[in-house]
Amino acid sequence: MIARPSHCLARLLGWMALGLAALLLGVLDVAPAAAQQNQPIYPAYDGFWKNPDGSYTVAFAYFSHNAETVTVPAGTANAFAPAPGDRQQPTVFKPGHWRFQCVMVVGPEFDGKMVWTLSYAGTTTGTSQHMLQSNWYLVEGAEEVKKIDYAKVKRGVCLNRAPVVRVLGTVGRGENAKLAPVASVGEQYSLFGSVNDEGLPRGRTIVTGWKQVSGPGTAKFQDAAVARTHVSFPAPGEYVLELTASDSELSSSARVEVTVK
């Protein structure tokens, strides 16, 4: 049987969209391809949000020019001032620009003077010393810090937050997320999952896993323990899959629906 041109075109466009999503994932979540080593790591200040009780939620980022993950232990080369120097800040730095890698709540008495410094590859860099200037008030990214329960968390330290779990190539959000291309029975289907975390608790490994929530048959994952994998389906119909990630204290997940024909 020869496939109808319209069906072929629709499927081609769908796979092109998924490929573009995978490319964007590489741009947003992983390192530049250049094999750079022993390059500086720059801490950065994301901005602040003033809470109803007068406290502040402040956020820090970093940018690493290295092509590989770098570790800088807390200490003289990786510290906050004023004391304590170790505020549970990141010690493992992935390639690229990573926002909201340290989010902390400070009291109403905070005067805006706090500096995070990093020394690596012979270069020492630090964040802004004028944290409460109006131009640092968070607009973009405010939703990220507003999730923090400012009244209950420990103050003055970077807070552990649940891993950020996404599946690229979807149409819709939340429980209504659906993968755009249509899968075929028995064929390998690509899942482009993404899991990001700020690295707390320190020394713990992020555990990820795919599972099937519903469907007319039992889906078979090539490797259910990794975010990017392949899956095949034994029968046509609607399948719901879920990707979960845990940092040993907190976990989060994302569900997607796949149509199989």
C-alpha atoms as a PDB file:
ATOM      1  CA  MET A   1       0.000   0.000   0.000  1.00  0.00           C
ATOM      2  CA  ILE A   2       1.254   3.492  -0.871  1.00  0.00           C
ATOM      3  CA  ALA A   3       0.795   6.099   1.864  1.00  0.00           C
ATOM      4  CA  ARG A   4      -1.251   9.146   0.952  1.00  0.00           C
ATOM      5  CA  PRO A   5       0.896  12.276   0.370  1.00  0.00           C
ATOM      6  CA  SER A   6      -1.037  14.276   2.975  1.00  0.00           C
ATOM      7  CA  HIS A   7      -0.406  11.608   5.600  1.00  0.00           C
ATOM      8  CA  CYS A   8       3.310  11.469   4.763  1.00  0.00           C
ATOM      9  CA  LEU A   9       3.626  15.241   4.879  1.00  0.00           C
ATOM     10  CA  ALA A  10       1.864  15.496   8.237  1.00  0.00           C
ATOM     11  CA  ARG A  11       4.077  12.829   9.722  1.00  0.00           C
ATOM     12  CA  LEU A  12       7.225  14.421   8.305  1.00  0.00           C
ATOM     13  CA  LEU A  13       6.271  17.797   9.742  1.00  0.00           C
ATOM     14  CA  GLY A  14       5.578  16.202  13.105  1.00  0.00           C
ATOM     15  CA  TRP A  15       8.978  14.561  13.263  1.00  0.00           C
ATOM     16  CA  MET A  16      10.625  17.787  12.133  1.00  0.00           C
ATOM     17  CA  ALA A  17       8.954  19.561  15.072  1.00  0.00           C
ATOM     18  CA  LEU A  18      10.211  16.918  17.489  1.00  0.00           C
ATOM     19  CA  GLY A  19      13.698  17.165  16.053  1.00  0.00           C
ATOM     20  CA  LEU A  20      13.630  20.928  16.491  1.00  0.00           C
ATOM     21  CA  ALA A  21      12.521  20.446  20.096  1.00  0.00           C
ATOM     22  CA  ALA A  22      15.441  18.114  20.695  1.00  0.00           C
ATOM     23  CA  LEU A  23      17.779  20.695  19.198  1.00  0.00           C
ATOM     24  CA  LEU A  24      16.364  23.378  21.480  1.00  0.00           C
ATOM     25  CA  LEU A  25      16.849  21.085  24.444  1.00  0.00           C
ATOM     26  CA  GLY A  26      20.487  20.857  23.539  1.00  0.00           C
ATOM     27  CA  VAL A  27      20.749  24.630  23.296  1.00  0.00           C
ATOM     28  CA  LEU A  28      19.001  25.276  26.606  1.00  0.00           C
ATOM     29  CA  ASP A  29      20.107  22.446  28.821  1.00  0.00           C
ATOM     30  CA  VAL A  30      23.542  21.248  27.790  1.00  0.00           C
ATOM     31  CA  ALA A  31      26.978  22.584  27.130  1.00  0.00           C
ATOM     32  CA  PRO A  32      28.304  24.316  24.043  1.00  0.00           C
ATOM     33  CA  ALA A  33      30.052  21.804  21.830  1.00  0.00           C
ATOM     34  CA  ALA A  34      33.423  23.543  21.968  1.00  0.00           C
ATOM     35  CA  ALA A  35      35.912  21.498  23.979  1.00  0.00           C
ATOM     36  CA  GLN A  36      36.965  24.219  26.411  1.00  0.00           C
ATOM     37  CA  GLN A  37      38.753  23.365  29.634  1.00  0.00           C
ATOM     38  CA  ASN A  38      40.155  25.322  32.570  1.00  0.00           C
ATOM     39  CA  GLN A  39      37.906  28.290  31.844  1.00  0.00           C
ATOM     40  CA  PRO A  40      36.443  30.690  34.440  1.00  0.00           C
ATOM     41  CA  ILE A  41      33.117  30.089  36.159  1.00  0.00           C
ATOM     42  CA  TYR A  42      31.043  33.195  36.768  1.00  0.00           C
ATOM     43  CA  PRO A  43      28.489  33.437  39.591  1.00  0.00           C
ATOM     44  CA  ALA A  44      25.586  35.719  38.741  1.00  0.00           C
ATOM     45  CA  TYR A  45      22.758  37.383  40.611  1.00  0.00           C
ATOM     46  CA  ASP A  46      19.294  36.651  39.197  1.00  0.00           C
ATOM     47  CA  GLY A  47      17.389  39.186  41.303  1.00  0.00           C
ATOM     48  CA  PHE A  48      15.007  39.407  44.266  1.00  0.00           C
ATOM     49  CA  TRP A  49      11.356  39.173  45.188  1.00  0.00           C
ATOM     50  CA  LYS A  50       9.893  40.938  48.233  1.00  0.00           C
ATOM     51  CA  ASN A  51       7.561  38.715  50.243  1.00  0.00           C
ATOM     52  CA  PRO A  52       4.409  39.915  52.067  1.00  0.00           C
ATOM     53  CA  ASP A  53       6.098  39.617  55.488  1.00  0.00           C
ATOM     54  CA  GLY A  54       8.943  41.932  54.433  1.00  0.00           C
ATOM     55  CA  SER A  55      11.471  39.148  53.841  1.00  0.00           C
ATOM     56  CA  TYR A  56      13.195  38.700  50.494  1.00  0.00           C
ATOM     57  CA  THR A  57      13.660  35.718  48.235  1.00  0.00           C
ATOM     58  CA  VAL A  58      16.910  36.118  46.314  1.00  0.00           C
ATOM     59  CA  ALA A  59      18.224  33.991  43.484  1.00  0.00           C
ATOM     60  CA  PHE A  60      21.657  33.281  42.036  1.00  0.00           C
ATOM     61  CA  ALA A  61      22.849  31.712  38.796  1.00  0.00           C
ATOM     62  CA  TYR A  62      26.184  30.766  37.267  1.00  0.00           C
ATOM     63  CA  PHE A  63      27.810  30.553  33.849  1.00  0.00           C
ATOM     64  CA  SER A  64      30.576  28.076  33.116  1.00  0.00           C
ATOM     65  CA  HIS A  65      32.699  28.330  29.975  1.00  0.00           C
ATOM     66  CA  ASN A  66      34.001  24.790  30.487  1.00  0.00           C
ATOM     67  CA  ALA A  67      32.847  22.012  28.181  1.00  0.00           C
ATOM     68  CA  GLU A  68      32.764  19.524  31.039  1.00  0.00           C
ATOM     69  CA  THR A  69      31.232  19.533  34.513  1.00  0.00           C
ATOM     70  CA  VAL A  70      33.537  21.143  37.100  1.00  0.00           C
ATOM     71  CA  THR A  71      33.568  20.745  40.892  1.00  0.00           C
ATOM     72  CA  VAL A  72      34.572  23.614  43.182  1.00  0.00           C
ATOM     73  CA  PRO A  73      34.076  22.636  46.850  1.00  0.00           C
ATOM     74  CA  ALA A  74      32.687  25.135  49.342  1.00  0.00           C
ATOM     75  CA  GLY A  75      35.581  27.031  50.912  1.00  0.00           C
ATOM     76  CA  THR A  76      37.856  29.896  50.006  1.00  0.00           C
ATOM     77  CA  ALA A  77      37.332  29.271  46.282  1.00  0.00           C
ATOM     78  CA  ASN A  78      33.555  29.056  46.569  1.00  0.00           C
ATOM     79  CA  ALA A  79      32.045  31.172  49.299  1.00  0.00           C
ATOM     80  CA  PHE A  80      29.507  33.765  50.329  1.00  0.00           C
ATOM     81  CA  ALA A  81      30.300  36.898  52.300  1.00  0.00           C
ATOM     82  CA  PRO A  82      29.434  37.920  54.910  1.00  0.00           C
ATOM     83  CA  ALA A  83      29.711  34.704  56.928  1.00  0.00           C
ATOM     84  CA  PRO A  84      28.768  31.961  56.819  1.00  0.00           C
ATOM     85  CA  GLY A  85      30.713  31.337  53.646  1.00  0.00           C
ATOM     86  CA  ASP A  86      29.021  28.011  53.001  1.00  0.00           C
ATOM     87  CA  ARG A  87      25.347  28.644  52.379  1.00  0.00           C
ATOM     88  CA  GLN A  88      24.782  25.332  50.571  1.00  0.00           C
ATOM     89  CA  GLN A  89      25.629  27.004  47.261  1.00  0.00           C
ATOM     90  CA  PRO A  90      26.349  24.891  44.173  1.00  0.00           C
ATOM     91  CA  THR A  91      29.644  23.029  44.147  1.00  0.00           C
ATOM     92  CA  VAL A  92      29.127  21.164  40.861  1.00  0.00           C
ATOM     93  CA  PHE A  93      29.015  23.408  37.790  1.00  0.00           C
ATOM     94  CA  LYS A  94      27.620  22.175  34.506  1.00  0.00           C
ATOM     95  CA  PRO A  95      28.584  23.748  31.169  1.00  0.00           C
ATOM     96  CA  GLY A  96      26.545  26.746  30.097  1.00  0.00           C
ATOM     97  CA  HIS A  97      24.246  29.268  31.792  1.00  0.00           C
ATOM     98  CA  TRP A  98      22.061  27.985  34.626  1.00  0.00           C
ATOM     99  CA  ARG A  99      19.564  30.259  36.357  1.00  0.00           C
ATOM    100  CA  PHE A 100      18.016  29.872  39.842  1.00  0.00           C
ATOM    101  CA  GLN A 101      20.739  27.509  41.033  1.00  0.00           C
ATOM    102  CA  CYS A 102      20.691  29.033  44.521  1.00  0.00           C
ATOM    103  CA  VAL A 103      17.413  30.405  45.850  1.00  0.00           C
ATOM    104  CA  MET A 104      17.365  31.605  49.453  1.00  0.00           C
ATOM    105  CA  VAL A 105      15.102  33.575  51.766  1.00  0.00           C
ATOM    106  CA  VAL A 106      16.563  36.369  53.918  1.00  0.00           C
ATOM    107  CA  GLY A 107      14.852  38.420  56.626  1.00  0.00           C
ATOM    108  CA  PRO A 108      13.398  41.950  56.399  1.00  0.00           C
ATOM    109  CA  GLU A 109      16.624  43.277  57.954  1.00  0.00           C
ATOM    110  CA  PHE A 110      18.615  42.254  54.867  1.00  0.00           C
ATOM    111  CA  ASP A 111      20.561  45.283  53.551  1.00  0.00           C
ATOM    112  CA  GLY A 112      21.301  43.892  50.090  1.00  0.00           C
ATOM    113  CA  LYS A 113      24.988  43.321  50.774  1.00  0.00           C
ATOM    114  CA  MET A 114      25.883  39.732  50.027  1.00  0.00           C
ATOM    115  CA  VAL A 115      28.469  38.473  47.544  1.00  0.00           C
ATOM    116  CA  TRP A 116      29.049  35.027  46.112  1.00  0.00           C
ATOM    117  CA  THR A 117      32.609  34.591  44.805  1.00  0.00           C
ATOM    118  CA  LEU A 118      34.085  31.777  42.745  1.00  0.00           C
ATOM    119  CA  SER A 119      37.749  31.148  41.962  1.00  0.00           C
ATOM    120  CA  TYR A 120      38.626  28.752  39.178  1.00  0.00           C
ATOM    121  CA  ALA A 121      41.249  28.547  36.441  1.00  0.00           C
ATOM    122  CA  GLY A 122      43.121  31.474  37.952  1.00  0.00           C
ATOM    123  CA  THR A 123      40.133  33.831  37.818  1.00  0.00           C
ATOM    124  CA  THR A 124      38.055  35.088  40.745  1.00  0.00           C
ATOM    125  CA  THR A 125      34.634  36.555  40.022  1.00  0.00           C
ATOM    126  CA  GLY A 126      31.763  37.711  42.208  1.00  0.00           C
ATOM    127  CA  THR A 127      28.141  38.807  42.117  1.00  0.00           C
ATOM    128  CA  SER A 128      26.615  42.270  42.495  1.00  0.00           C
ATOM    129  CA  GLN A 129      26.943  43.970  45.894  1.00  0.00           C
ATOM    130  CA  HIS A 130      23.795  46.067  45.436  1.00  0.00           C
ATOM    131  CA  MET A 131      21.139  43.376  45.471  1.00  0.00           C
ATOM    132  CA  LEU A 132      18.072  45.441  46.352  1.00  0.00           C
ATOM    133  CA  GLN A 133      18.301  48.052  43.610  1.00  0.00           C
ATOM    134  CA  SER A 134      15.039  48.343  41.713  1.00  0.00           C
ATOM    135  CA  ASN A 135      16.574  47.108  38.459  1.00  0.00           C
ATOM    136  CA  TRP A 136      17.176  43.714  40.134  1.00  0.00           C
ATOM    137  CA  TYR A 137      13.494  43.213  40.982  1.00  0.00           C
ATOM    138  CA  LEU A 138      12.455  39.948  39.395  1.00  0.00           C
ATOM    139  CA  VAL A 139       9.948  40.087  36.583  1.00  0.00           C
ATOM    140  CA  GLU A 140      11.116  37.314  34.311  1.00  0.00           C
ATOM    141  CA  GLY A 141      11.421  34.253  36.489  1.00  0.00           C
ATOM    142  CA  ALA A 142       9.274  35.595  39.329  1.00  0.00           C
ATOM    143  CA  GLU A 143       7.105  32.483  39.212  1.00  0.00           C
ATOM    144  CA  GLU A 144      10.151  30.409  40.095  1.00  0.00           C
ATOM    145  CA  VAL A 145      10.813  32.227  43.383  1.00  0.00           C
ATOM    146  CA  LYS A 146       7.145  32.664  44.270  1.00  0.00           C
ATOM    147  CA  LYS A 147       6.902  28.887  44.649  1.00  0.00           C
ATOM    148  CA  ILE A 148       9.081  29.094  47.767  1.00  0.00           C
ATOM    149  CA  ASP A 149       7.208  28.878  51.090  1.00  0.00           C
ATOM    150  CA  TYR A 150       9.076  31.872  52.510  1.00  0.00           C
ATOM    151  CA  ALA A 151       7.442  31.634  55.939  1.00  0.00           C
ATOM    152  CA  LYS A 152       8.544  28.049  56.649  1.00  0.00           C
ATOM    153  CA  VAL A 153      11.945  27.511  55.047  1.00  0.00           C
ATOM    154  CA  LYS A 154      15.328  27.940  56.706  1.00  0.00           C
ATOM    155  CA  ARG A 155      16.693  31.419  56.005  1.00  0.00           C
ATOM    156  CA  GLY A 156      20.075  32.443  54.674  1.00  0.00           C
ATOM    157  CA  VAL A 157      20.891  29.199  52.824  1.00  0.00           C
ATOM    158  CA  CYS A 158      20.298  27.883  49.325  1.00  0.00           C
ATOM    159  CA  LEU A 159      17.136  25.793  49.378  1.00  0.00           C
ATOM    160  CA  ASN A 160      16.637  22.338  48.011  1.00  0.00           C
ATOM    161  CA  ARG A 161      13.892  22.317  45.381  1.00  0.00           C
ATOM    162  CA  ALA A 162      12.337  19.491  43.438  1.00  0.00           C
ATOM    163  CA  PRO A 163      13.994  18.623  40.112  1.00  0.00           C
ATOM    164  CA  VAL A 164      12.556  20.335  37.039  1.00  0.00           C
ATOM    165  CA  VAL A 165      11.137  17.656  34.744  1.00  0.00           C
ATOM    166  CA  ARG A 166      10.094  18.315  31.155  1.00  0.00           C
ATOM    167  CA  VAL A 167       9.307  16.373  28.006  1.00  0.00           C
ATOM    168  CA  LEU A 168      10.031  18.271  24.810  1.00  0.00           C
ATOM    169  CA  GLY A 169       7.990  18.015  21.654  1.00  0.00           C
ATOM    170  CA  THR A 170       4.632  18.279  23.424  1.00  0.00           C
ATOM    171  CA  VAL A 171       1.501  20.234  22.612  1.00  0.00           C
ATOM    172  CA  GLY A 172      -0.413  21.528  25.646  1.00  0.00           C
ATOM    173  CA  ARG A 173       0.645  21.754  29.287  1.00  0.00           C
ATOM    174  CA  GLY A 174       0.450  19.733  32.484  1.00  0.00           C
ATOM    175  CA  GLU A 175      -1.892  16.758  32.413  1.00  0.00           C
ATOM    176  CA  ASN A 176      -2.977  17.708  28.878  1.00  0.00           C
ATOM    177  CA  ALA A 177       0.521  17.523  27.389  1.00  0.00           C
ATOM    178  CA  LYS A 178       0.526  15.404  24.259  1.00  0.00           C
ATOM    179  CA  LEU A 179       3.390  14.437  21.974  1.00  0.00           C
ATOM    180  CA  ALA A 180       2.767  15.874  18.523  1.00  0.00           C
ATOM    181  CA  PRO A 181       4.025  13.094  16.196  1.00  0.00           C
ATOM    182  CA  VAL A 182       1.981   9.901  15.979  1.00  0.00           C
ATOM    183  CA  ALA A 183       3.707   6.641  16.872  1.00  0.00           C
ATOM    184  CA  SER A 184       3.302   3.378  15.007  1.00  0.00           C
ATOM    185  CA  VAL A 185       2.831  -0.076  16.496  1.00  0.00           C
ATOM    186  CA  GLY A 186       6.125  -1.912  16.927  1.00  0.00           C
ATOM    187  CA  GLU A 187       8.363   1.019  15.950  1.00  0.00           C
ATOM    188  CA  GLN A 188      10.973   2.668  18.186  1.00  0.00           C
ATOM    189  CA  TYR A 189       9.645   6.030  19.329  1.00  0.00           C
ATOM    190  CA  SER A 190      11.958   8.727  20.735  1.00  0.00           C
ATOM    191  CA  LEU A 191      11.256  10.344  24.110  1.00  0.00           C
ATOM    192  CA  PHE A 192      13.139  13.586  24.761  1.00  0.00           C
ATOM    193  CA  GLY A 193      12.954  14.004  28.515  1.00  0.00           C
ATOM    194  CA  SER A 194      14.864  16.636  30.479  1.00  0.00           C
ATOM    195  CA  VAL A 195      15.734  16.672  34.190  1.00  0.00           C
ATOM    196  CA  ASN A 196      17.510  19.612  35.851  1.00  0.00           C
ATOM    197  CA  ASP A 197      18.363  20.139  39.506  1.00  0.00           C
ATOM    198  CA  GLU A 198      20.312  22.650  41.613  1.00  0.00           C
ATOM    199  CA  GLY A 199      22.448  19.913  43.206  1.00  0.00           C
ATOM    200  CA  LEU A 200      20.925  19.660  46.677  1.00  0.00           C
ATOM    201  CA  PRO A 201      21.230  17.647  48.823  1.00  0.00           C
ATOM    202  CA  ARG A 202      24.936  17.611  48.036  1.00  0.00           C
ATOM    203  CA  GLY A 203      26.430  14.285  47.073  1.00  0.00           C
ATOM    204  CA  ARG A 204      23.119  12.704  46.089  1.00  0.00           C
ATOM    205  CA  THR A 205      22.396  11.293  42.646  1.00  0.00           C
ATOM    206  CA  ILE A 206      19.263  12.252  40.749  1.00  0.00           C
ATOM    207  CA  VAL A 207      17.190   9.139  40.068  1.00  0.00           C
ATOM    208  CA  THR A 208      14.993   9.293  36.972  1.00  0.00           C
ATOM    209  CA  GLY A 209      12.493   6.845  35.579  1.00  0.00           C
ATOM    210  CA  TRP A 210       9.821   6.412  32.931  1.00  0.00           C
ATOM    211  CA  LYS A 211       6.657   4.418  33.525  1.00  0.00           C
ATOM    212  CA  GLN A 212       3.401   3.761  31.755  1.00  0.00           C
ATOM    213  CA  VAL A 213       0.301   5.179  33.431  1.00  0.00           C
ATOM    214  CA  SER A 214      -2.339   3.851  31.039  1.00  0.00           C
ATOM    215  CA  GLY A 215      -2.817   2.366  27.596  1.00  0.00           C
ATOM    216  CA  PRO A 216      -4.300  -0.591  25.705  1.00  0.00           C
ATOM    217  CA  GLY A 217      -1.039  -2.559  25.866  1.00  0.00           C
ATOM    218  CA  THR A 218       2.253  -2.636  27.771  1.00  0.00           C
ATOM    219  CA  ALA A 219       4.790  -0.166  26.405  1.00  0.00           C
ATOM    220  CA  LYS A 220       8.419  -1.299  26.315  1.00  0.00           C
ATOM    221  CA  PHE A 221      11.104   1.265  27.214  1.00  0.00           C
ATOM    222  CA  GLN A 222      14.605   0.830  25.834  1.00  0.00           C
ATOM    223  CA  ASP A 223      16.005   2.212  29.126  1.00  0.00           C
ATOM    224  CA  ALA A 224      13.391   3.435  31.588  1.00  0.00           C
ATOM    225  CA  ALA A 225      16.060   4.869  33.932  1.00  0.00           C
ATOM    226  CA  VAL A 226      17.209   7.695  31.625  1.00  0.00           C
ATOM    227  CA  ALA A 227      15.342  10.823  30.548  1.00  0.00           C
ATOM    228  CA  ARG A 228      16.093  10.464  26.829  1.00  0.00           C
ATOM    229  CA  THR A 229      15.193   7.028  25.604  1.00  0.00           C
ATOM    230  CA  HIS A 230      13.058   5.068  23.142  1.00  0.00           C
ATOM    231  CA  VAL A 231       9.779   3.254  23.632  1.00  0.00           C
ATOM    232  CA  SER A 232       7.708   0.857  21.513  1.00  0.00           C
ATOM    233  CA  PHE A 233       4.000   0.049  21.691  1.00  0.00           C
ATOM    234  CA  PRO A 234       2.307  -3.331  21.035  1.00  0.00           C
ATOM    235  CA  ALA A 235      -1.166  -2.060  20.115  1.00  0.00           C
ATOM    236  CA  PRO A 236      -2.844   1.059  18.737  1.00  0.00           C
ATOM    237  CA  GLY A 237      -4.558   3.548  21.019  1.00  0.00           C
ATOM    238  CA  GLU A 238      -3.835   6.304  23.525  1.00  0.00           C
ATOM    239  CA  TYR A 239      -0.968   5.799  25.987  1.00  0.00           C
ATOM    240  CA  VAL A 240      -0.039   8.012  28.944  1.00  0.00           C
ATOM    241  CA  LEU A 241       3.619   7.959  30.000  1.00  0.00           C
ATOM    242  CA  GLU A 242       5.236   9.627  33.003  1.00  0.00           C
ATOM    243  CA  LEU A 243       8.807  10.760  33.652  1.00  0.00           C
ATOM    244  CA  THR A 244       9.748  11.163  37.335  1.00  0.00           C
ATOM    245  CA  ALA A 245      12.930  12.473  38.966  1.00  0.00           C
ATOM    246  CA  SER A 246      13.950  12.439  42.633  1.00  0.00           C
ATOM    247  CA  ASP A 247      16.879  14.047  44.475  1.00  0.00           C
ATOM    248  CA  SER A 248      16.293  11.712  47.466  1.00  0.00           C
ATOM    249  CA  GLU A 249      14.253  14.352  49.316  1.00  0.00           C
ATOM    250  CA  LEU A 250      11.972  15.889  46.705  1.00  0.00           C
ATOM    251  CA  SER A 251      10.556  14.606  43.449  1.00  0.00           C
ATOM    252  CA  SER A 252       8.533  15.828  40.483  1.00  0.00           C
ATOM    253  CA  SER A 253       7.142  14.368  37.290  1.00  0.00           C
ATOM    254  CA  ALA A 254       5.713  15.153  33.873  1.00  0.00           C
ATOM    255  CA  ARG A 255       3.105  13.173  31.944  1.00  0.00           C
ATOM    256  CA  VAL A 256       2.587  12.963  28.207  1.00  0.00           C
ATOM    257  CA  GLU A 257       0.038  11.287  25.979  1.00  0.00           C
ATOM    258  CA  VAL A 258       1.104   9.372  22.880  1.00  0.00           C
ATOM    259  CA  THR A 259      -1.243   8.376  20.087  1.00  0.00           C
ATOM    260  CA  VAL A 260      -0.297   5.039  18.490  1.00  0.00           C
ATOM    261  CA  LYS A 261      -1.671   3.986  15.133  1.00  0.00           C
END
